[in-house]
Amino acid sequence: MTVSIYMKTRIYRRSPMHKKGHTMYNFQHGLIAILLLACIPTHSLADDHFRCREVGEDWVWFEDHLAAYVTYATRGPHNRTYEVGTGMSVSGSPWGKRKKYTGDAEFNAYGMGALHIRKKDSGSNFVVCATGLGIGTLPIIPTTKF
């Protein structure tokens, strides 16, 4: 009996922020949280090193990112072709931009997602290294009334 009473009080109790007119207040707090998360660097940016992995026919995860954009650099064999995919991973493959590279490459990834790489040519597996070179954040625009 005590549990059901507690549940009812939790369900029907409303805070002052749920009143009409506080939608903008909640939206601003959500936007501030997103902007703060956009300032968190990726793992390779924090450690300032290349992360190397063996790539094959399946996508290999390298790291997650959350920023306006992240500039990545990859190093692979100059005689082998590999495919880089960015974005959210859906059913085991990246759902964002995909591009093929040979040797060294530099590219941008946007928003929230992950860096994935796989080999694109025939032959044995090989090693590709990747690191983040820079991170871009969204500009914060003050909301002042004149």
N, C-alpha and C. Protein backbone atom coordinates (compact mmCIF):
# COMPACT_ATOMS: atom_id res chain seq x y z
N MET A 1 0.83 -1.19 0.00
CA MET A 1 0.00 0.00 0.00
C MET A 1 0.87 1.26 0.00
N THR A 2 1.93 1.24 0.74
CA THR A 2 2.81 2.41 0.82
C THR A 2 3.43 2.72 -0.53
N VAL A 3 3.78 1.69 -1.27
CA VAL A 3 4.41 1.88 -2.58
C VAL A 3 3.45 2.57 -3.54
N SER A 4 2.19 2.13 -3.58
CA SER A 4 1.23 2.73 -4.50
C SER A 4 0.94 4.20 -4.14
N ILE A 5 0.89 4.53 -2.86
CA ILE A 5 0.69 5.92 -2.45
C ILE A 5 1.89 6.76 -2.89
N TYR A 6 3.10 6.23 -2.71
CA TYR A 6 4.29 6.94 -3.13
C TYR A 6 4.28 7.16 -4.64
N MET A 7 3.88 6.15 -5.38
CA MET A 7 3.82 6.27 -6.84
C MET A 7 2.82 7.34 -7.25
N LYS A 8 1.66 7.37 -6.60
CA LYS A 8 0.66 8.37 -6.95
C LYS A 8 1.14 9.77 -6.66
N THR A 9 1.80 9.97 -5.53
CA THR A 9 2.27 11.32 -5.22
C THR A 9 3.37 11.74 -6.19
N ARG A 10 4.20 10.78 -6.65
CA ARG A 10 5.26 11.10 -7.60
C ARG A 10 4.69 11.43 -8.98
N ILE A 11 3.64 10.76 -9.36
CA ILE A 11 3.06 10.98 -10.69
C ILE A 11 2.33 12.32 -10.76
N TYR A 12 1.54 12.64 -9.73
CA TYR A 12 0.70 13.82 -9.81
C TYR A 12 1.35 15.09 -9.25
N ARG A 13 2.49 14.96 -8.63
CA ARG A 13 3.18 16.15 -8.12
C ARG A 13 3.85 16.86 -9.29
N ARG A 14 3.65 18.14 -9.38
CA ARG A 14 4.24 18.91 -10.49
C ARG A 14 5.13 20.00 -9.91
N SER A 15 6.23 20.20 -10.55
CA SER A 15 7.14 21.25 -10.09
C SER A 15 6.71 22.59 -10.68
N PRO A 16 7.19 23.71 -10.14
CA PRO A 16 6.83 25.02 -10.68
C PRO A 16 7.30 25.22 -12.12
N MET A 17 8.32 24.47 -12.55
CA MET A 17 8.83 24.63 -13.91
C MET A 17 7.91 24.01 -14.95
N HIS A 18 6.93 23.20 -14.54
CA HIS A 18 6.00 22.60 -15.48
C HIS A 18 4.82 23.51 -15.79
N LYS A 19 4.76 24.66 -15.15
CA LYS A 19 3.66 25.57 -15.40
C LYS A 19 3.78 26.17 -16.79
N LYS A 20 2.69 26.68 -17.26
CA LYS A 20 2.65 27.30 -18.58
C LYS A 20 3.62 28.48 -18.61
N GLY A 21 4.37 28.61 -19.69
CA GLY A 21 5.31 29.71 -19.83
C GLY A 21 6.74 29.34 -19.51
N HIS A 22 6.97 28.13 -18.98
CA HIS A 22 8.32 27.71 -18.63
C HIS A 22 8.93 26.81 -19.69
N THR A 23 8.27 26.66 -20.84
CA THR A 23 8.81 25.84 -21.92
C THR A 23 10.12 26.40 -22.41
N MET A 24 10.22 27.70 -22.57
CA MET A 24 11.45 28.33 -23.04
C MET A 24 12.58 28.14 -22.03
N TYR A 25 12.24 28.19 -20.74
CA TYR A 25 13.24 27.97 -19.69
C TYR A 25 13.84 26.57 -19.81
N ASN A 26 13.00 25.55 -19.98
CA ASN A 26 13.47 24.17 -20.13
C ASN A 26 14.27 24.00 -21.41
N PHE A 27 13.84 24.62 -22.48
CA PHE A 27 14.55 24.56 -23.76
C PHE A 27 15.94 25.16 -23.63
N GLN A 28 16.06 26.30 -22.95
CA GLN A 28 17.36 26.94 -22.78
C GLN A 28 18.31 26.07 -21.97
N HIS A 29 17.81 25.41 -20.93
CA HIS A 29 18.66 24.52 -20.14
C HIS A 29 19.13 23.33 -20.98
N GLY A 30 18.25 22.80 -21.80
CA GLY A 30 18.64 21.70 -22.68
C GLY A 30 19.69 22.15 -23.69
N LEU A 31 19.52 23.33 -24.25
CA LEU A 31 20.47 23.87 -25.21
C LEU A 31 21.84 24.12 -24.57
N ILE A 32 21.83 24.62 -23.35
CA ILE A 32 23.10 24.85 -22.64
C ILE A 32 23.81 23.52 -22.40
N ALA A 33 23.07 22.48 -22.03
CA ALA A 33 23.69 21.17 -21.80
C ALA A 33 24.30 20.63 -23.08
N ILE A 34 23.62 20.80 -24.21
CA ILE A 34 24.15 20.33 -25.49
C ILE A 34 25.42 21.10 -25.85
N LEU A 35 25.41 22.41 -25.64
CA LEU A 35 26.60 23.21 -25.96
C LEU A 35 27.78 22.84 -25.08
N LEU A 36 27.52 22.54 -23.81
CA LEU A 36 28.61 22.12 -22.93
C LEU A 36 29.16 20.77 -23.36
N LEU A 37 28.30 19.85 -23.76
CA LEU A 37 28.77 18.55 -24.23
C LEU A 37 29.56 18.68 -25.52
N ALA A 38 29.23 19.67 -26.34
CA ALA A 38 29.94 19.87 -27.59
C ALA A 38 31.38 20.32 -27.36
N CYS A 39 31.70 20.77 -26.17
CA CYS A 39 33.06 21.20 -25.86
C CYS A 39 33.93 20.07 -25.35
N ILE A 40 33.37 18.87 -25.17
CA ILE A 40 34.15 17.74 -24.68
C ILE A 40 34.96 17.18 -25.84
N PRO A 41 36.27 17.15 -25.74
CA PRO A 41 37.08 16.64 -26.85
C PRO A 41 36.98 15.13 -26.98
N THR A 42 37.35 14.62 -28.15
CA THR A 42 37.37 13.19 -28.36
C THR A 42 38.58 12.60 -27.66
N HIS A 43 38.62 11.30 -27.54
CA HIS A 43 39.69 10.61 -26.82
C HIS A 43 41.06 10.91 -27.43
N SER A 44 41.18 10.84 -28.76
CA SER A 44 42.48 11.04 -29.37
C SER A 44 42.94 12.48 -29.25
N LEU A 45 42.02 13.43 -29.21
CA LEU A 45 42.42 14.82 -29.01
C LEU A 45 42.98 15.01 -27.61
N ALA A 46 42.38 14.35 -26.64
CA ALA A 46 42.84 14.50 -25.27
C ALA A 46 44.21 13.85 -25.08
N ASP A 47 44.44 12.73 -25.72
CA ASP A 47 45.71 12.01 -25.55
C ASP A 47 46.76 12.43 -26.57
N ASP A 48 46.36 13.11 -27.64
CA ASP A 48 47.28 13.59 -28.66
C ASP A 48 48.13 12.45 -29.23
N HIS A 49 47.49 11.40 -29.72
CA HIS A 49 48.21 10.29 -30.31
C HIS A 49 47.36 9.63 -31.39
N PHE A 50 47.99 8.82 -32.22
CA PHE A 50 47.28 8.03 -33.21
C PHE A 50 46.82 6.73 -32.59
N ARG A 51 45.58 6.36 -32.87
CA ARG A 51 45.04 5.07 -32.43
C ARG A 51 45.08 4.15 -33.66
N CYS A 52 45.78 3.03 -33.55
CA CYS A 52 45.95 2.12 -34.68
C CYS A 52 45.15 0.84 -34.46
N ARG A 53 44.48 0.40 -35.51
CA ARG A 53 43.69 -0.83 -35.45
C ARG A 53 43.84 -1.59 -36.76
N GLU A 54 43.69 -2.89 -36.68
CA GLU A 54 43.68 -3.71 -37.89
C GLU A 54 42.28 -3.66 -38.48
N VAL A 55 42.18 -3.38 -39.78
CA VAL A 55 40.87 -3.28 -40.44
C VAL A 55 40.72 -4.42 -41.44
N GLY A 56 39.49 -4.88 -41.55
CA GLY A 56 39.14 -5.94 -42.49
C GLY A 56 37.89 -5.54 -43.25
N GLU A 57 37.10 -6.52 -43.64
CA GLU A 57 35.89 -6.25 -44.42
C GLU A 57 34.77 -5.65 -43.57
N ASP A 58 34.76 -5.90 -42.26
CA ASP A 58 33.75 -5.34 -41.37
C ASP A 58 34.22 -3.98 -40.85
N TRP A 59 33.26 -3.14 -40.50
CA TRP A 59 33.59 -1.83 -39.95
C TRP A 59 34.26 -1.98 -38.59
N VAL A 60 35.32 -1.21 -38.37
CA VAL A 60 36.05 -1.22 -37.10
C VAL A 60 35.86 0.14 -36.44
N TRP A 61 35.37 0.14 -35.19
CA TRP A 61 35.16 1.38 -34.44
C TRP A 61 36.49 1.93 -33.98
N PHE A 62 36.68 3.25 -34.13
CA PHE A 62 37.88 3.92 -33.63
C PHE A 62 37.57 4.81 -32.44
N GLU A 63 36.57 5.67 -32.54
CA GLU A 63 36.19 6.51 -31.40
C GLU A 63 34.87 7.21 -31.67
N ASP A 64 34.26 7.69 -30.59
CA ASP A 64 33.03 8.48 -30.66
C ASP A 64 33.38 9.96 -30.65
N HIS A 65 32.48 10.78 -31.20
CA HIS A 65 32.69 12.23 -31.14
C HIS A 65 31.36 12.94 -30.95
N LEU A 66 31.44 14.12 -30.34
CA LEU A 66 30.28 14.98 -30.14
C LEU A 66 30.79 16.41 -30.19
N ALA A 67 30.60 17.05 -31.33
CA ALA A 67 31.10 18.42 -31.53
C ALA A 67 30.44 18.98 -32.78
N ALA A 68 30.57 20.27 -32.98
CA ALA A 68 30.09 20.85 -34.23
C ALA A 68 30.81 20.15 -35.38
N TYR A 69 32.13 20.01 -35.27
CA TYR A 69 32.91 19.20 -36.20
C TYR A 69 34.22 18.80 -35.55
N VAL A 70 34.76 17.68 -36.02
CA VAL A 70 36.07 17.20 -35.58
C VAL A 70 36.88 16.94 -36.84
N THR A 71 38.11 17.44 -36.89
CA THR A 71 39.00 17.17 -38.01
C THR A 71 39.87 15.97 -37.64
N TYR A 72 39.79 14.93 -38.47
CA TYR A 72 40.55 13.70 -38.25
C TYR A 72 41.66 13.56 -39.29
N ALA A 73 42.71 12.87 -38.92
CA ALA A 73 43.77 12.47 -39.85
C ALA A 73 43.91 10.96 -39.74
N THR A 74 44.05 10.29 -40.88
CA THR A 74 44.26 8.85 -40.90
C THR A 74 45.54 8.55 -41.66
N ARG A 75 46.18 7.47 -41.27
CA ARG A 75 47.38 6.98 -41.96
C ARG A 75 47.18 5.51 -42.26
N GLY A 76 47.29 5.20 -43.53
CA GLY A 76 47.17 3.82 -43.97
C GLY A 76 48.23 3.51 -45.01
N PRO A 77 48.32 2.24 -45.45
CA PRO A 77 49.30 1.89 -46.47
C PRO A 77 49.01 2.65 -47.78
N HIS A 78 50.08 3.07 -48.47
CA HIS A 78 49.91 3.85 -49.70
C HIS A 78 49.47 3.00 -50.88
N ASN A 79 49.53 1.68 -50.74
CA ASN A 79 49.10 0.79 -51.83
C ASN A 79 47.78 0.09 -51.53
N ARG A 80 47.07 0.50 -50.49
CA ARG A 80 45.81 -0.12 -50.09
C ARG A 80 44.72 0.93 -49.97
N THR A 81 43.49 0.54 -50.25
CA THR A 81 42.34 1.44 -50.17
C THR A 81 41.48 1.07 -48.97
N TYR A 82 41.09 2.08 -48.20
CA TYR A 82 40.22 1.88 -47.05
C TYR A 82 39.08 2.89 -47.11
N GLU A 83 37.98 2.56 -46.45
CA GLU A 83 36.80 3.42 -46.42
C GLU A 83 36.60 3.93 -45.01
N VAL A 84 36.37 5.24 -44.90
CA VAL A 84 36.12 5.88 -43.62
C VAL A 84 34.64 6.24 -43.55
N GLY A 85 34.01 5.90 -42.45
CA GLY A 85 32.61 6.24 -42.23
C GLY A 85 32.46 6.99 -40.92
N THR A 86 31.64 8.03 -40.96
CA THR A 86 31.35 8.80 -39.75
C THR A 86 29.85 8.82 -39.51
N GLY A 87 29.46 9.18 -38.32
CA GLY A 87 28.04 9.27 -37.98
C GLY A 87 27.65 8.18 -37.01
N MET A 88 26.37 8.14 -36.71
CA MET A 88 25.83 7.15 -35.79
C MET A 88 25.94 5.76 -36.42
N SER A 89 26.20 4.76 -35.60
CA SER A 89 26.29 3.39 -36.08
C SER A 89 24.90 2.75 -36.02
N VAL A 90 24.42 2.30 -37.16
CA VAL A 90 23.11 1.66 -37.25
C VAL A 90 23.29 0.32 -37.94
N SER A 91 22.90 -0.74 -37.28
CA SER A 91 23.03 -2.11 -37.79
C SER A 91 24.46 -2.45 -38.17
N GLY A 92 25.42 -1.96 -37.41
CA GLY A 92 26.81 -2.32 -37.64
C GLY A 92 27.55 -1.50 -38.68
N SER A 93 26.92 -0.46 -39.24
CA SER A 93 27.61 0.38 -40.21
C SER A 93 27.30 1.85 -39.93
N PRO A 94 28.26 2.73 -40.24
CA PRO A 94 28.04 4.16 -39.98
C PRO A 94 26.96 4.73 -40.90
N TRP A 95 26.15 5.62 -40.35
CA TRP A 95 25.00 6.16 -41.05
C TRP A 95 25.27 7.56 -41.57
N GLY A 96 26.49 7.99 -41.55
CA GLY A 96 26.85 9.34 -42.01
C GLY A 96 27.62 9.30 -43.32
N LYS A 97 28.60 10.18 -43.41
CA LYS A 97 29.40 10.31 -44.62
C LYS A 97 30.37 9.14 -44.73
N ARG A 98 30.55 8.63 -45.96
CA ARG A 98 31.52 7.57 -46.25
C ARG A 98 32.39 8.02 -47.41
N LYS A 99 33.69 7.76 -47.29
CA LYS A 99 34.61 8.14 -48.36
C LYS A 99 35.79 7.19 -48.38
N LYS A 100 36.31 6.91 -49.59
CA LYS A 100 37.45 6.01 -49.76
C LYS A 100 38.74 6.82 -49.79
N TYR A 101 39.79 6.26 -49.18
CA TYR A 101 41.11 6.90 -49.15
C TYR A 101 42.19 5.86 -49.40
N THR A 102 43.34 6.33 -49.86
CA THR A 102 44.55 5.54 -50.00
C THR A 102 45.67 6.32 -49.34
N GLY A 103 46.42 5.68 -48.45
CA GLY A 103 47.52 6.37 -47.77
C GLY A 103 47.01 7.28 -46.67
N ASP A 104 47.57 8.51 -46.62
CA ASP A 104 47.19 9.48 -45.59
C ASP A 104 46.00 10.32 -46.03
N ALA A 105 45.15 10.68 -45.08
CA ALA A 105 43.96 11.47 -45.40
C ALA A 105 43.63 12.40 -44.24
N GLU A 106 42.88 13.45 -44.56
CA GLU A 106 42.37 14.39 -43.56
C GLU A 106 40.94 14.74 -43.95
N PHE A 107 40.03 14.72 -42.97
CA PHE A 107 38.62 14.96 -43.25
C PHE A 107 37.92 15.43 -41.99
N ASN A 108 36.67 15.89 -42.15
CA ASN A 108 35.87 16.37 -41.02
C ASN A 108 34.71 15.43 -40.76
N ALA A 109 34.35 15.30 -39.49
CA ALA A 109 33.15 14.58 -39.06
C ALA A 109 32.29 15.59 -38.31
N TYR A 110 30.98 15.55 -38.53
CA TYR A 110 30.09 16.56 -37.99
C TYR A 110 29.10 15.98 -36.98
N GLY A 111 28.84 16.75 -35.92
CA GLY A 111 27.80 16.39 -34.96
C GLY A 111 28.19 15.27 -34.04
N MET A 112 27.20 14.43 -33.74
CA MET A 112 27.39 13.31 -32.83
C MET A 112 27.49 12.03 -33.64
N GLY A 113 28.47 11.22 -33.33
CA GLY A 113 28.63 9.96 -34.05
C GLY A 113 29.91 9.27 -33.66
N ALA A 114 30.45 8.49 -34.59
CA ALA A 114 31.67 7.73 -34.34
C ALA A 114 32.47 7.63 -35.63
N LEU A 115 33.73 7.33 -35.47
CA LEU A 115 34.64 7.11 -36.60
C LEU A 115 34.80 5.61 -36.78
N HIS A 116 34.49 5.12 -37.99
CA HIS A 116 34.62 3.71 -38.33
C HIS A 116 35.46 3.60 -39.60
N ILE A 117 36.26 2.55 -39.71
CA ILE A 117 37.09 2.34 -40.90
C ILE A 117 37.05 0.85 -41.26
N ARG A 118 37.07 0.57 -42.57
CA ARG A 118 37.17 -0.81 -43.07
C ARG A 118 37.98 -0.82 -44.35
N LYS A 119 38.54 -1.98 -44.70
CA LYS A 119 39.28 -2.08 -45.95
C LYS A 119 38.31 -2.11 -47.11
N LYS A 120 38.73 -1.59 -48.25
CA LYS A 120 37.83 -1.54 -49.40
C LYS A 120 38.38 -2.32 -50.58
N ASP A 121 39.62 -2.78 -50.51
CA ASP A 121 40.18 -3.56 -51.61
C ASP A 121 40.30 -5.02 -51.21
N SER A 122 40.68 -5.85 -52.18
CA SER A 122 40.88 -7.27 -51.85
C SER A 122 42.26 -7.44 -51.25
N GLY A 123 42.45 -8.54 -50.59
CA GLY A 123 43.74 -8.78 -49.96
C GLY A 123 43.57 -8.98 -48.47
N SER A 124 44.70 -9.12 -47.80
CA SER A 124 44.66 -9.37 -46.36
C SER A 124 44.34 -8.09 -45.58
N ASN A 125 44.04 -8.27 -44.31
CA ASN A 125 43.77 -7.13 -43.43
C ASN A 125 45.04 -6.31 -43.28
N PHE A 126 44.88 -5.03 -42.94
CA PHE A 126 46.03 -4.16 -42.73
C PHE A 126 45.71 -3.17 -41.62
N VAL A 127 46.70 -2.41 -41.19
CA VAL A 127 46.56 -1.49 -40.06
C VAL A 127 46.35 -0.07 -40.58
N VAL A 128 45.36 0.61 -39.98
CA VAL A 128 45.10 2.03 -40.25
C VAL A 128 45.14 2.75 -38.90
N CYS A 129 45.74 3.94 -38.89
CA CYS A 129 45.82 4.74 -37.67
C CYS A 129 45.00 6.02 -37.86
N ALA A 130 44.39 6.51 -36.79
CA ALA A 130 43.59 7.73 -36.86
C ALA A 130 43.78 8.56 -35.60
N THR A 131 43.66 9.87 -35.75
CA THR A 131 43.71 10.79 -34.61
C THR A 131 42.89 12.02 -34.94
N GLY A 132 42.45 12.71 -33.90
CA GLY A 132 41.75 13.97 -34.08
C GLY A 132 42.74 15.12 -34.10
N LEU A 133 42.62 15.99 -35.10
CA LEU A 133 43.52 17.14 -35.21
C LEU A 133 42.96 18.40 -34.58
N GLY A 134 41.65 18.53 -34.60
CA GLY A 134 41.03 19.74 -34.04
C GLY A 134 39.56 19.53 -33.84
N ILE A 135 38.98 20.41 -33.06
CA ILE A 135 37.56 20.31 -32.72
C ILE A 135 36.93 21.69 -32.89
N GLY A 136 35.74 21.71 -33.45
CA GLY A 136 35.01 22.96 -33.63
C GLY A 136 33.77 22.95 -32.76
N THR A 137 33.49 24.06 -32.13
CA THR A 137 32.30 24.17 -31.28
C THR A 137 31.32 25.15 -31.91
N LEU A 138 30.10 25.10 -31.45
CA LEU A 138 29.08 26.02 -31.91
C LEU A 138 29.24 27.36 -31.21
N PRO A 139 29.08 28.47 -31.94
CA PRO A 139 29.17 29.76 -31.26
C PRO A 139 27.97 29.97 -30.34
N ILE A 140 28.21 30.55 -29.21
CA ILE A 140 27.12 30.84 -28.25
C ILE A 140 26.64 32.25 -28.51
N ILE A 141 25.38 32.38 -28.86
CA ILE A 141 24.78 33.67 -29.17
C ILE A 141 23.96 34.12 -27.98
N PRO A 142 24.31 35.24 -27.38
CA PRO A 142 23.54 35.70 -26.20
C PRO A 142 22.11 36.08 -26.61
N THR A 143 21.17 35.79 -25.73
CA THR A 143 19.78 36.15 -25.98
C THR A 143 19.43 37.34 -25.09
N THR A 144 19.68 38.51 -25.59
CA THR A 144 19.37 39.73 -24.83
C THR A 144 18.28 40.50 -25.55
N LYS A 145 17.46 41.19 -24.79
CA LYS A 145 16.40 42.00 -25.38
C LYS A 145 16.86 43.45 -25.39
N PHE A 146 16.59 44.13 -26.48
CA PHE A 146 16.95 45.55 -26.61
C PHE A 146 15.72 46.42 -26.49
